[in-house]
N, C-alpha and C. Protein backbone atom coordinates (compact mmCIF):
# COMPACT_ATOMS: atom_id res chain seq x y z
N UNK A 1 -26.65 3.68 -20.13
CA UNK A 1 -25.32 3.86 -19.27
C UNK A 1 -24.82 5.24 -18.86
N UNK A 2 -24.27 5.29 -17.63
CA UNK A 2 -23.76 6.48 -17.12
C UNK A 2 -22.54 7.08 -18.02
N UNK A 3 -22.51 8.48 -17.98
CA UNK A 3 -21.52 9.19 -18.64
C UNK A 3 -20.15 8.77 -18.17
N UNK A 4 -19.25 8.53 -19.16
CA UNK A 4 -17.96 8.14 -18.92
C UNK A 4 -16.94 8.91 -19.65
N UNK A 5 -16.05 9.75 -19.01
CA UNK A 5 -15.06 10.51 -19.68
C UNK A 5 -14.19 9.58 -20.67
N UNK A 6 -13.98 9.96 -22.04
CA UNK A 6 -13.47 9.20 -23.01
C UNK A 6 -12.00 8.66 -22.71
N UNK A 7 -11.30 9.50 -21.96
CA UNK A 7 -9.98 8.93 -21.52
C UNK A 7 -10.00 7.89 -20.58
N UNK A 8 -11.05 8.13 -19.63
CA UNK A 8 -11.22 6.98 -18.42
C UNK A 8 -11.57 5.66 -19.11
N UNK A 9 -12.67 5.52 -19.92
CA UNK A 9 -13.23 4.39 -20.61
C UNK A 9 -11.94 3.28 -21.54
N UNK A 10 -10.95 4.23 -21.66
CA UNK A 10 -9.87 3.50 -22.34
C UNK A 10 -8.87 2.77 -21.50
N UNK A 11 -9.26 2.82 -20.15
CA UNK A 11 -8.31 2.24 -19.19
C UNK A 11 -8.78 0.68 -19.28
N UNK A 12 -7.62 -0.12 -19.62
CA UNK A 12 -7.71 -1.63 -19.60
C UNK A 12 -8.46 -2.03 -18.34
N UNK A 13 -8.18 -1.59 -17.28
CA UNK A 13 -8.85 -2.10 -15.88
C UNK A 13 -10.35 -2.14 -16.00
N UNK A 14 -10.61 -0.68 -16.39
CA UNK A 14 -12.19 -0.31 -16.38
C UNK A 14 -12.73 -1.25 -17.31
N UNK A 15 -12.31 -1.32 -18.48
CA UNK A 15 -13.00 -2.21 -19.65
C UNK A 15 -12.99 -3.79 -19.12
N UNK A 16 -11.95 -4.38 -18.49
CA UNK A 16 -12.00 -5.48 -17.84
C UNK A 16 -13.25 -5.94 -16.97
N UNK A 17 -13.38 -4.95 -15.99
CA UNK A 17 -14.30 -5.12 -15.11
C UNK A 17 -15.73 -4.74 -15.47
N UNK A 18 -15.72 -3.90 -16.54
CA UNK A 18 -17.11 -3.73 -17.18
C UNK A 18 -17.53 -4.85 -17.93
N UNK A 19 -16.77 -5.48 -18.67
CA UNK A 19 -17.00 -6.74 -19.38
C UNK A 19 -17.18 -7.91 -18.63
N UNK A 20 -16.46 -8.18 -17.34
CA UNK A 20 -16.54 -9.57 -16.66
C UNK A 20 -16.80 -9.36 -15.37
N UNK A 21 -16.93 -8.27 -14.81
CA UNK A 21 -17.08 -8.29 -13.23
C UNK A 21 -18.32 -9.09 -12.69
N UNK A 22 -19.61 -8.81 -13.52
CA UNK A 22 -20.71 -9.37 -13.05
C UNK A 22 -20.67 -10.82 -13.16
N UNK A 23 -20.28 -11.25 -14.35
CA UNK A 23 -20.09 -12.69 -14.48
C UNK A 23 -19.06 -13.46 -13.47
N UNK A 24 -18.00 -12.60 -13.04
CA UNK A 24 -17.07 -13.10 -12.06
C UNK A 24 -17.64 -13.25 -10.62
N UNK A 25 -18.61 -12.40 -10.33
CA UNK A 25 -19.49 -12.48 -9.07
C UNK A 25 -20.36 -13.63 -8.94
N UNK A 26 -20.88 -13.95 -10.15
CA UNK A 26 -21.74 -15.02 -10.41
C UNK A 26 -21.15 -16.49 -10.16
N UNK A 27 -19.87 -16.60 -10.43
CA UNK A 27 -19.20 -17.88 -10.27
C UNK A 27 -18.22 -17.97 -9.21
N UNK A 28 -17.93 -16.89 -8.46
CA UNK A 28 -16.94 -16.77 -7.52
C UNK A 28 -17.06 -17.80 -6.57
N UNK A 29 -18.31 -17.99 -5.90
CA UNK A 29 -18.48 -18.99 -4.82
C UNK A 29 -18.03 -20.43 -5.11
N UNK A 30 -18.57 -20.71 -6.34
CA UNK A 30 -18.37 -22.13 -6.75
C UNK A 30 -16.83 -22.38 -7.23
N UNK A 31 -16.30 -21.30 -7.77
CA UNK A 31 -15.04 -21.40 -8.81
C UNK A 31 -13.84 -21.09 -7.66
N UNK A 32 -13.94 -20.18 -6.92
CA UNK A 32 -12.70 -19.55 -6.32
C UNK A 32 -12.73 -19.35 -4.87
N UNK A 33 -13.91 -19.62 -4.26
CA UNK A 33 -14.04 -19.37 -2.61
C UNK A 33 -13.13 -20.52 -2.08
N UNK A 34 -12.96 -21.60 -2.55
CA UNK A 34 -12.34 -22.56 -1.82
C UNK A 34 -10.96 -22.38 -1.81
N UNK A 35 -10.35 -21.67 -2.73
CA UNK A 35 -8.91 -21.24 -3.02
C UNK A 35 -8.61 -19.98 -2.06
N UNK A 36 -9.51 -18.98 -2.50
CA UNK A 36 -9.29 -17.56 -2.05
C UNK A 36 -10.01 -17.06 -0.88
N UNK A 37 -10.91 -17.98 -0.36
CA UNK A 37 -11.83 -17.57 0.88
C UNK A 37 -12.90 -16.53 0.24
N UNK A 38 -13.92 -16.37 1.33
CA UNK A 38 -15.16 -15.67 0.84
C UNK A 38 -14.67 -14.05 0.16
N UNK A 39 -15.57 -13.87 -0.91
CA UNK A 39 -15.25 -12.41 -1.31
C UNK A 39 -15.70 -11.41 -0.31
N UNK A 40 -14.67 -10.47 -0.08
CA UNK A 40 -14.91 -9.49 0.98
C UNK A 40 -16.02 -8.31 0.71
N UNK A 41 -16.73 -8.00 1.36
CA UNK A 41 -17.75 -6.96 0.99
C UNK A 41 -16.99 -5.62 0.57
N UNK A 42 -15.67 -5.31 1.12
CA UNK A 42 -15.01 -4.12 0.57
C UNK A 42 -14.76 -4.31 -0.69
N UNK A 43 -14.37 -5.42 -1.14
CA UNK A 43 -14.03 -5.57 -2.46
C UNK A 43 -15.03 -4.91 -3.52
N UNK A 44 -16.30 -5.47 -3.09
CA UNK A 44 -17.28 -5.12 -4.12
C UNK A 44 -17.56 -3.75 -4.14
N UNK A 45 -17.35 -2.69 -2.76
CA UNK A 45 -17.55 -1.58 -2.59
C UNK A 45 -16.48 -0.81 -3.56
N UNK A 46 -15.41 -1.30 -3.35
CA UNK A 46 -14.33 -0.62 -4.02
C UNK A 46 -14.33 -0.70 -5.65
N UNK A 47 -14.72 -1.57 -6.13
CA UNK A 47 -15.06 -1.88 -7.52
C UNK A 47 -16.28 -0.82 -7.95
N UNK A 48 -17.20 -1.04 -7.16
CA UNK A 48 -18.27 -0.04 -7.55
C UNK A 48 -17.68 1.47 -7.48
N UNK A 49 -17.11 1.87 -6.56
CA UNK A 49 -16.75 3.28 -6.44
C UNK A 49 -15.80 3.60 -7.66
N UNK A 50 -14.83 2.62 -7.91
CA UNK A 50 -13.83 2.71 -9.29
C UNK A 50 -14.69 2.72 -10.50
N UNK A 51 -15.80 2.07 -10.67
CA UNK A 51 -16.42 2.04 -12.06
C UNK A 51 -17.18 3.39 -12.14
N UNK A 52 -17.34 3.97 -11.11
CA UNK A 52 -18.27 5.14 -11.00
C UNK A 52 -17.24 6.52 -10.90
N UNK A 53 -15.80 6.18 -11.10
CA UNK A 53 -15.02 7.36 -10.88
C UNK A 53 -15.00 8.25 -12.00
N UNK A 54 -15.15 9.75 -11.70
CA UNK A 54 -15.21 10.74 -12.86
C UNK A 54 -16.57 10.87 -13.51
N UNK A 55 -17.66 10.08 -12.79
CA UNK A 55 -18.99 10.34 -13.07
C UNK A 55 -19.53 11.59 -12.82
N UNK A 56 -20.06 12.66 -13.44
CA UNK A 56 -20.44 13.79 -12.78
C UNK A 56 -21.60 13.65 -11.92
N UNK A 57 -22.47 12.69 -12.31
CA UNK A 57 -23.70 12.38 -11.47
C UNK A 57 -23.41 12.20 -9.90
N UNK A 58 -21.93 11.90 -9.76
CA UNK A 58 -21.61 11.65 -8.36
C UNK A 58 -21.16 12.86 -7.70
N UNK A 59 -21.34 14.20 -8.38
CA UNK A 59 -20.63 15.34 -8.06
C UNK A 59 -19.65 15.75 -8.91
N UNK A 60 -19.54 17.10 -8.83
CA UNK A 60 -18.55 17.95 -9.57
C UNK A 60 -18.26 19.12 -9.15
N UNK A 61 -16.83 19.66 -9.48
CA UNK A 61 -16.66 21.32 -9.19
C UNK A 61 -16.80 22.09 -10.34
N UNK A 62 -17.29 23.34 -10.29
CA UNK A 62 -17.19 24.16 -11.52
C UNK A 62 -15.69 24.98 -11.29
N UNK A 63 -14.97 24.97 -12.35
CA UNK A 63 -13.71 25.74 -12.32
C UNK A 63 -13.76 26.75 -13.36
N UNK A 64 -13.43 27.97 -12.86
CA UNK A 64 -13.67 29.17 -13.68
C UNK A 64 -12.35 30.07 -13.67
N UNK A 65 -11.79 30.48 -14.73
CA UNK A 65 -10.43 31.25 -14.85
C UNK A 65 -10.79 32.84 -14.54
N UNK A 66 -10.26 33.37 -13.42
CA UNK A 66 -10.64 34.59 -13.13
C UNK A 66 -10.24 35.72 -14.25
N UNK A 67 -9.22 35.39 -15.11
CA UNK A 67 -8.98 36.37 -15.97
C UNK A 67 -9.89 36.12 -17.37
N UNK A 68 -9.81 35.12 -18.06
CA UNK A 68 -10.86 35.09 -19.29
C UNK A 68 -12.06 34.54 -18.93
N UNK A 69 -12.45 34.03 -17.85
CA UNK A 69 -13.81 33.78 -17.50
C UNK A 69 -14.11 32.29 -18.17
N UNK A 70 -13.21 31.59 -18.67
CA UNK A 70 -13.50 30.06 -19.12
C UNK A 70 -13.92 29.35 -17.99
N UNK A 71 -15.03 28.36 -18.32
CA UNK A 71 -15.45 27.59 -17.15
C UNK A 71 -15.32 26.15 -17.75
N UNK A 72 -15.08 25.20 -16.85
CA UNK A 72 -15.23 23.74 -17.03
C UNK A 72 -15.81 23.07 -15.97
N UNK A 73 -16.39 21.99 -16.04
CA UNK A 73 -16.64 20.88 -14.77
C UNK A 73 -15.72 19.87 -14.73
N UNK A 74 -15.36 19.75 -13.33
CA UNK A 74 -14.42 18.68 -13.12
C UNK A 74 -15.32 17.86 -12.01
N UNK A 75 -15.36 16.56 -12.74
CA UNK A 75 -16.07 15.55 -11.71
C UNK A 75 -15.29 14.92 -10.68
N UNK A 76 -15.81 14.66 -9.64
CA UNK A 76 -15.05 14.19 -8.57
C UNK A 76 -14.51 12.75 -8.76
N UNK A 77 -13.53 12.29 -8.18
CA UNK A 77 -12.77 11.12 -8.50
C UNK A 77 -13.09 10.10 -7.38
N UNK A 78 -12.77 8.94 -7.42
CA UNK A 78 -13.27 7.93 -6.47
C UNK A 78 -12.37 7.82 -5.31
N UNK A 79 -11.13 8.20 -5.52
CA UNK A 79 -10.06 8.08 -4.55
C UNK A 79 -9.87 6.80 -3.82
N UNK A 80 -10.27 5.81 -4.52
CA UNK A 80 -10.21 4.30 -3.92
C UNK A 80 -8.80 3.70 -4.28
N UNK A 81 -8.47 2.64 -3.78
CA UNK A 81 -7.23 2.11 -3.82
C UNK A 81 -7.08 1.19 -4.99
N UNK A 82 -8.25 1.05 -5.88
CA UNK A 82 -8.09 0.18 -6.95
C UNK A 82 -7.76 1.01 -8.28
N UNK A 83 -8.31 2.40 -7.99
CA UNK A 83 -8.19 3.33 -9.38
C UNK A 83 -6.68 3.65 -9.61
N UNK A 84 -6.01 3.41 -10.60
CA UNK A 84 -4.73 3.63 -10.88
C UNK A 84 -4.48 5.17 -11.12
N UNK A 85 -5.59 5.77 -11.51
CA UNK A 85 -5.48 7.43 -11.89
C UNK A 85 -5.29 7.96 -10.49
N UNK A 86 -6.33 7.54 -9.64
CA UNK A 86 -6.45 8.22 -8.21
C UNK A 86 -5.23 8.02 -7.56
N UNK A 87 -4.56 6.76 -7.30
CA UNK A 87 -3.55 6.14 -6.66
C UNK A 87 -2.33 7.03 -7.05
N UNK A 88 -2.02 6.92 -8.39
CA UNK A 88 -1.01 7.77 -8.89
C UNK A 88 -0.92 9.23 -8.35
N UNK A 89 -2.01 9.77 -8.42
CA UNK A 89 -2.01 11.31 -7.95
C UNK A 89 -2.03 11.36 -6.48
N UNK A 90 -2.49 10.52 -5.76
CA UNK A 90 -2.13 10.46 -4.30
C UNK A 90 -0.80 10.18 -4.00
N UNK A 91 -0.09 9.35 -4.73
CA UNK A 91 1.31 8.85 -4.33
C UNK A 91 2.17 10.18 -4.62
N UNK A 92 1.82 10.62 -5.74
CA UNK A 92 2.81 11.95 -6.04
C UNK A 92 2.47 13.08 -4.86
N UNK A 93 1.45 13.20 -4.67
CA UNK A 93 1.25 14.21 -3.55
C UNK A 93 1.65 13.95 -2.28
N UNK A 94 1.42 12.67 -1.75
CA UNK A 94 2.25 12.35 -0.66
C UNK A 94 3.64 12.35 -0.56
N UNK A 95 4.21 11.89 -1.85
CA UNK A 95 5.79 11.96 -1.90
C UNK A 95 6.27 13.53 -1.79
N UNK A 96 5.51 14.44 -2.27
CA UNK A 96 5.67 15.87 -2.27
C UNK A 96 5.52 16.16 -0.71
N UNK A 97 4.63 15.81 -0.13
CA UNK A 97 4.46 16.11 1.37
C UNK A 97 5.75 15.58 2.41
N UNK A 98 5.87 14.26 1.95
CA UNK A 98 7.01 13.86 2.57
C UNK A 98 8.31 14.32 2.67
N UNK A 99 8.35 14.92 1.45
CA UNK A 99 9.97 15.53 1.12
C UNK A 99 9.84 17.04 1.81
N UNK A 100 8.73 17.60 1.88
CA UNK A 100 8.71 19.02 2.40
C UNK A 100 8.44 18.95 3.83
N UNK A 101 7.90 17.97 4.46
CA UNK A 101 7.61 17.78 5.85
C UNK A 101 8.08 17.07 6.96
N UNK A 102 8.64 15.93 6.25
CA UNK A 102 8.90 14.83 7.20
C UNK A 102 10.26 14.24 6.96
N UNK A 103 10.87 14.21 5.76
CA UNK A 103 12.17 13.75 5.53
C UNK A 103 13.27 14.52 5.98
N UNK A 104 14.27 13.99 6.88
CA UNK A 104 15.42 14.64 7.05
C UNK A 104 16.39 14.72 5.90
N UNK A 105 17.42 15.58 5.84
CA UNK A 105 18.35 15.59 4.96
C UNK A 105 19.55 14.72 5.16
N UNK A 106 19.39 13.52 5.27
CA UNK A 106 20.19 12.29 5.44
C UNK A 106 19.97 11.24 4.47
N UNK A 107 20.93 10.37 4.08
CA UNK A 107 20.68 9.27 3.11
C UNK A 107 19.56 8.46 3.64
N UNK A 108 18.86 7.71 2.59
CA UNK A 108 17.57 7.09 2.81
C UNK A 108 17.80 5.77 2.00
N UNK A 109 17.20 4.66 2.41
CA UNK A 109 17.26 3.50 1.56
C UNK A 109 15.81 2.94 1.55
N UNK A 110 15.56 2.35 0.18
CA UNK A 110 14.36 1.57 -0.11
C UNK A 110 14.40 0.11 0.19
N UNK A 111 13.79 -0.35 1.08
CA UNK A 111 13.91 -1.87 1.40
C UNK A 111 12.50 -2.36 1.25
N UNK A 112 12.44 -3.46 0.70
CA UNK A 112 11.18 -4.28 0.69
C UNK A 112 11.22 -5.43 1.38
N UNK A 113 10.20 -5.79 2.35
CA UNK A 113 10.04 -6.84 3.14
C UNK A 113 8.97 -7.81 2.58
N UNK A 114 9.26 -8.93 2.39
CA UNK A 114 8.26 -9.84 1.76
C UNK A 114 7.98 -10.91 2.73
N UNK A 115 6.88 -11.68 2.36
CA UNK A 115 6.35 -12.90 3.16
C UNK A 115 6.68 -14.09 2.45
N UNK A 116 7.25 -15.07 2.69
CA UNK A 116 7.52 -16.34 2.06
C UNK A 116 6.11 -16.82 1.62
N UNK A 117 6.14 -17.35 0.36
CA UNK A 117 4.94 -18.09 -0.34
C UNK A 117 4.21 -19.07 0.60
N UNK A 118 4.96 -19.72 1.41
CA UNK A 118 4.23 -20.90 2.12
C UNK A 118 3.43 -20.22 3.35
N UNK A 119 3.80 -18.79 3.65
CA UNK A 119 3.08 -18.24 4.94
C UNK A 119 1.83 -17.26 4.46
N UNK A 120 1.78 -16.93 3.02
CA UNK A 120 0.83 -16.07 2.48
C UNK A 120 -0.55 -16.57 2.81
N UNK A 121 -0.99 -17.79 2.68
CA UNK A 121 -2.09 -18.31 2.96
C UNK A 121 -2.74 -18.07 4.36
N UNK A 122 -1.81 -17.96 5.26
CA UNK A 122 -2.40 -17.61 6.56
C UNK A 122 -2.81 -16.12 6.74
N UNK A 123 -2.15 -15.25 5.91
CA UNK A 123 -2.62 -13.73 5.86
C UNK A 123 -3.61 -13.64 4.86
N UNK A 124 -3.95 -14.44 3.93
CA UNK A 124 -5.04 -14.18 2.97
C UNK A 124 -6.24 -14.67 3.89
N UNK A 125 -6.27 -15.75 4.73
CA UNK A 125 -7.41 -16.07 5.38
C UNK A 125 -7.91 -15.40 6.44
N UNK A 126 -6.60 -14.78 7.22
CA UNK A 126 -6.73 -14.10 8.50
C UNK A 126 -6.25 -12.77 8.17
N UNK A 127 -7.01 -11.81 7.76
CA UNK A 127 -6.37 -10.53 7.42
C UNK A 127 -5.83 -9.65 8.49
N UNK A 128 -6.38 -10.08 9.84
CA UNK A 128 -6.00 -9.43 11.05
C UNK A 128 -4.42 -9.58 11.08
N UNK A 129 -3.82 -10.74 10.64
CA UNK A 129 -2.36 -10.94 10.78
C UNK A 129 -1.63 -9.70 9.85
N UNK A 130 -2.31 -9.13 9.06
CA UNK A 130 -1.48 -7.96 8.24
C UNK A 130 -1.43 -6.76 9.18
N UNK A 131 -2.31 -6.69 10.28
CA UNK A 131 -2.09 -5.13 11.09
C UNK A 131 -0.87 -5.04 11.63
N UNK A 132 -0.18 -6.23 12.14
CA UNK A 132 1.22 -6.13 12.84
C UNK A 132 2.39 -6.08 11.98
N UNK A 133 2.18 -6.34 10.51
CA UNK A 133 3.54 -6.51 9.62
C UNK A 133 4.32 -5.21 9.69
N UNK A 134 3.76 -4.02 9.78
CA UNK A 134 4.51 -2.76 9.85
C UNK A 134 5.34 -2.70 10.89
N UNK A 135 4.61 -3.00 12.08
CA UNK A 135 5.32 -2.84 13.41
C UNK A 135 6.46 -3.89 13.44
N UNK A 136 6.22 -5.22 12.91
CA UNK A 136 7.23 -6.06 12.87
C UNK A 136 8.51 -5.74 12.15
N UNK A 137 8.23 -5.16 10.82
CA UNK A 137 9.64 -4.52 10.16
C UNK A 137 9.99 -3.43 10.79
N UNK A 138 9.24 -2.50 11.46
CA UNK A 138 9.91 -1.59 12.47
C UNK A 138 10.86 -2.03 13.50
N UNK A 139 10.22 -2.99 14.11
CA UNK A 139 10.94 -3.64 15.16
C UNK A 139 12.20 -4.23 14.75
N UNK A 140 12.12 -4.83 13.63
CA UNK A 140 13.48 -5.43 13.00
C UNK A 140 14.49 -4.16 12.72
N UNK A 141 13.96 -3.46 12.05
CA UNK A 141 14.89 -2.31 11.70
C UNK A 141 15.62 -1.62 12.93
N UNK A 142 14.64 -1.28 14.15
CA UNK A 142 15.37 -0.83 15.51
C UNK A 142 16.21 -1.66 16.04
N UNK A 143 15.92 -3.10 16.01
CA UNK A 143 16.89 -4.06 16.39
C UNK A 143 18.16 -4.04 15.73
N UNK A 144 18.08 -3.97 14.47
CA UNK A 144 19.36 -3.95 13.74
C UNK A 144 20.04 -2.74 14.03
N UNK A 145 19.50 -1.39 14.03
CA UNK A 145 20.32 -0.33 14.14
C UNK A 145 20.91 -0.16 15.60
N UNK A 146 20.05 -0.63 16.60
CA UNK A 146 20.68 -0.62 17.94
C UNK A 146 21.59 -1.67 18.39
N UNK A 147 21.56 -2.79 17.63
CA UNK A 147 22.54 -3.73 17.79
C UNK A 147 23.90 -3.45 17.10
N UNK A 148 23.81 -2.54 16.29
CA UNK A 148 25.03 -2.02 15.25
C UNK A 148 25.64 -0.80 15.90
N UNK A 149 24.93 0.14 16.45
CA UNK A 149 25.28 1.43 16.74
C UNK A 149 25.16 1.89 18.20
N UNK A 150 24.11 1.16 19.01
CA UNK A 150 23.98 1.48 20.29
C UNK A 150 22.44 1.47 20.56
N UNK A 151 22.26 1.18 21.76
CA UNK A 151 20.96 1.03 22.49
C UNK A 151 20.05 2.23 22.39
N UNK A 152 20.41 3.47 22.24
CA UNK A 152 19.62 4.60 21.94
C UNK A 152 19.28 5.18 20.72
N UNK A 153 19.99 4.38 19.76
CA UNK A 153 19.70 4.81 18.27
C UNK A 153 18.36 4.78 18.02
N UNK A 154 17.85 5.79 17.16
CA UNK A 154 16.46 5.68 16.54
C UNK A 154 16.40 6.15 15.18
N UNK A 155 16.14 5.06 14.41
CA UNK A 155 16.21 5.30 12.85
C UNK A 155 14.82 6.09 12.48
N UNK A 156 14.88 6.60 11.21
CA UNK A 156 13.68 7.24 10.61
C UNK A 156 13.19 6.04 9.81
N UNK A 157 11.76 5.68 9.86
CA UNK A 157 11.39 4.55 8.94
C UNK A 157 9.98 4.86 8.69
N UNK A 158 9.69 5.04 7.34
CA UNK A 158 8.43 5.13 6.80
C UNK A 158 7.88 3.75 6.06
N UNK A 159 6.77 3.03 6.35
CA UNK A 159 6.38 1.88 5.97
C UNK A 159 5.02 2.03 5.26
N UNK A 160 4.98 1.43 4.13
CA UNK A 160 3.71 1.38 3.40
C UNK A 160 3.41 -0.19 3.11
N UNK A 161 2.31 -0.76 3.22
CA UNK A 161 1.69 -2.09 3.21
C UNK A 161 0.97 -2.25 1.92
N UNK A 162 1.46 -3.11 1.01
CA UNK A 162 0.82 -3.48 0.14
C UNK A 162 0.43 -5.17 0.03
N UNK A 163 -0.76 -5.47 -0.41
CA UNK A 163 -1.18 -6.81 -0.38
C UNK A 163 -1.07 -7.56 -1.77
N UNK A 164 -0.85 -6.87 -2.70
CA UNK A 164 -0.92 -7.51 -4.09
C UNK A 164 0.64 -7.31 -4.80
N UNK A 165 0.73 -8.03 -5.71
CA UNK A 165 2.03 -7.96 -6.65
C UNK A 165 1.52 -8.01 -7.99
N UNK A 166 2.54 -8.52 -8.83
CA UNK A 166 2.32 -8.52 -10.44
C UNK A 166 1.13 -9.17 -10.62
N UNK A 167 0.26 -8.97 -11.65
CA UNK A 167 -0.92 -9.63 -11.98
C UNK A 167 -1.95 -9.52 -10.89
N UNK A 168 -1.68 -8.58 -9.99
CA UNK A 168 -2.62 -8.27 -8.83
C UNK A 168 -2.90 -9.65 -8.04
N UNK A 169 -1.98 -10.48 -8.00
CA UNK A 169 -1.90 -11.81 -7.26
C UNK A 169 -1.84 -11.27 -5.61
N UNK A 170 -2.52 -12.11 -4.69
CA UNK A 170 -2.31 -11.78 -3.52
C UNK A 170 -0.85 -11.91 -2.95
N UNK A 171 -0.10 -11.03 -2.52
CA UNK A 171 1.28 -10.80 -2.14
C UNK A 171 1.69 -9.77 -1.19
N UNK A 172 1.44 -10.14 0.04
CA UNK A 172 1.45 -9.31 1.13
C UNK A 172 2.95 -8.90 1.29
N UNK A 173 3.32 -7.42 1.14
CA UNK A 173 4.73 -7.20 1.30
C UNK A 173 4.70 -5.66 1.85
N UNK A 174 5.84 -5.08 2.26
CA UNK A 174 6.10 -3.92 2.79
C UNK A 174 7.16 -3.12 2.04
N UNK A 175 6.97 -1.91 1.92
CA UNK A 175 8.00 -0.99 1.01
C UNK A 175 8.41 0.17 2.37
N UNK A 176 9.64 -0.05 2.52
CA UNK A 176 9.89 0.67 3.68
C UNK A 176 11.09 1.75 3.35
N UNK A 177 10.82 2.97 3.56
CA UNK A 177 11.98 4.09 3.16
C UNK A 177 12.79 4.29 4.66
N UNK A 178 13.94 3.83 4.81
CA UNK A 178 14.64 3.96 6.04
C UNK A 178 15.83 5.04 5.92
N UNK A 179 16.24 5.67 6.97
CA UNK A 179 17.34 6.50 7.05
C UNK A 179 18.56 5.56 7.15
N UNK A 180 19.60 5.96 6.45
CA UNK A 180 20.90 5.28 6.56
C UNK A 180 21.62 5.39 7.76
N UNK A 181 21.01 5.35 8.67
CA UNK A 181 21.41 5.42 10.26
C UNK A 181 20.58 5.90 11.34
N UNK A 182 20.88 6.45 12.46
CA UNK A 182 19.85 6.80 13.19
C UNK A 182 20.45 8.07 14.14
N UNK A 183 19.48 8.53 15.12
CA UNK A 183 19.90 9.68 16.19
C UNK A 183 19.95 8.92 17.42
N UNK A 184 21.07 9.41 18.20
CA UNK A 184 21.22 8.95 19.57
C UNK A 184 20.52 9.78 20.51
N UNK A 185 20.65 9.68 21.72
CA UNK A 185 19.89 10.37 22.82
C UNK A 185 19.93 11.71 22.72
N UNK A 186 21.14 12.44 22.35
CA UNK A 186 21.42 13.68 22.24
C UNK A 186 21.05 14.37 20.79
N UNK A 187 20.45 13.32 19.87
CA UNK A 187 19.98 14.02 18.67
C UNK A 187 21.14 14.13 17.54
N UNK A 188 22.30 13.41 17.95
CA UNK A 188 23.41 13.28 16.92
C UNK A 188 23.24 12.25 16.15
N UNK A 189 23.41 12.60 14.65
CA UNK A 189 23.20 11.62 13.51
C UNK A 189 24.19 10.67 13.54
N UNK A 190 24.00 9.38 13.60
CA UNK A 190 25.12 8.44 13.36
C UNK A 190 24.94 7.58 12.14
N UNK A 191 25.60 7.54 11.19
CA UNK A 191 25.33 6.81 9.90
C UNK A 191 25.61 5.25 9.97
N UNK A 192 25.03 4.69 9.05
CA UNK A 192 25.23 3.37 8.75
C UNK A 192 25.62 3.20 7.42
N UNK A 193 26.79 2.64 7.10
CA UNK A 193 27.42 2.72 5.61
C UNK A 193 26.94 1.20 5.14
N UNK A 194 25.72 1.30 4.62
CA UNK A 194 25.25 -0.09 3.99
C UNK A 194 24.40 -1.06 4.88
N UNK A 195 23.42 -1.71 4.46
CA UNK A 195 22.69 -2.56 5.22
C UNK A 195 23.17 -3.90 4.82
N UNK A 196 22.99 -5.05 6.06
CA UNK A 196 23.45 -6.20 5.72
C UNK A 196 22.02 -6.65 5.52
N UNK A 197 21.39 -7.02 4.27
CA UNK A 197 20.01 -7.47 4.09
C UNK A 197 19.93 -8.69 4.68
N UNK A 198 20.67 -9.78 4.80
CA UNK A 198 20.40 -11.13 5.09
C UNK A 198 20.14 -11.15 6.50
N UNK A 199 20.76 -10.18 7.39
CA UNK A 199 20.71 -10.24 8.74
C UNK A 199 19.39 -9.29 9.09
N UNK A 200 19.13 -8.52 8.27
CA UNK A 200 17.63 -7.55 8.71
C UNK A 200 16.46 -8.48 8.17
N UNK A 201 16.71 -9.51 6.91
CA UNK A 201 15.61 -10.50 6.80
C UNK A 201 15.43 -11.45 7.99
N UNK A 202 16.55 -11.87 8.56
CA UNK A 202 16.37 -12.65 9.75
C UNK A 202 15.65 -12.10 11.00
N UNK A 203 16.13 -11.02 11.08
CA UNK A 203 15.38 -10.14 12.11
C UNK A 203 13.78 -10.05 11.89
N UNK A 204 13.45 -9.62 10.59
CA UNK A 204 12.04 -9.69 10.19
C UNK A 204 11.28 -10.99 10.47
N UNK A 205 11.89 -11.93 10.00
CA UNK A 205 11.44 -13.20 10.06
C UNK A 205 11.30 -13.56 11.58
N UNK A 206 12.01 -13.16 12.49
CA UNK A 206 11.75 -13.57 13.74
C UNK A 206 10.93 -13.00 14.38
N UNK A 207 10.36 -11.74 13.83
CA UNK A 207 9.24 -11.00 14.35
C UNK A 207 7.92 -11.63 13.71
N UNK A 208 8.09 -12.03 12.52
CA UNK A 208 6.89 -12.54 11.76
C UNK A 208 6.19 -13.76 12.22
N UNK A 209 7.33 -14.87 12.26
CA UNK A 209 6.74 -16.10 12.72
C UNK A 209 6.02 -16.29 13.88
N UNK A 210 6.44 -15.69 15.04
CA UNK A 210 5.41 -15.93 16.21
C UNK A 210 4.24 -15.34 15.99
N UNK A 211 3.92 -14.30 15.16
CA UNK A 211 2.61 -13.63 14.99
C UNK A 211 2.01 -14.56 14.08
N UNK A 212 2.59 -15.37 13.14
CA UNK A 212 1.87 -16.37 12.27
C UNK A 212 1.32 -17.54 13.28
N UNK A 213 2.11 -17.85 14.11
CA UNK A 213 2.20 -19.01 15.00
C UNK A 213 1.03 -18.87 15.80
N UNK A 214 0.87 -17.64 16.30
CA UNK A 214 -0.11 -17.25 17.44
C UNK A 214 -1.61 -17.14 16.75
N UNK A 215 -1.53 -16.70 15.54
CA UNK A 215 -2.86 -16.43 14.74
C UNK A 215 -3.29 -17.87 14.35
N UNK A 216 -2.51 -18.83 13.90
CA UNK A 216 -2.78 -19.99 13.49
C UNK A 216 -3.57 -20.84 14.62
N UNK A 217 -2.94 -20.51 15.86
CA UNK A 217 -3.48 -21.36 17.14
C UNK A 217 -4.64 -20.75 17.70
N UNK A 218 -5.18 -19.67 17.31
CA UNK A 218 -6.09 -18.85 18.03
C UNK A 218 -7.45 -19.24 17.45
């Protein structure tokens, strides 16, 4: 068995995949494919990378203290989306970068855009429909702000797409960080005091439904 750092092998996800992944692959086509579709090749690649995360056989860096001369080896991480450790570190680094280089000093709001359960099978079996979800949310936010404050208003929006929810079940949704207002053509900040979320939801649905209908008819 390949070397595993002791702290990493205690991960419940790692132990689960180590104990059951091969047997899961063996029965997937018969037991699960009719419900969830064919297992995507990217899934197997990501699991393989995660299972080899922190293995020095995959490469490592030698770290040396310039003062005392102490040295240690740091194995390269997998940096894949499945790995909780890698994703937590990347999320923290990205948040710091956003605060330092992108976010304006104005109020921001966190809004989650979700897909109704009855529509989720369309996105599960046709992953290309996921490509326009972020643009649909951005158009909904832009329509909302412009309708409320004027045609030239431009809000700031950062959107992250996530395809799973609690229990790793397929649940496509969007996390949006939005400015509490927008800038007009002259660059003047115009605030919005609170969001009418039912209206924003209706605008998002109006953007998503035509997308699903077009995909189901193609």
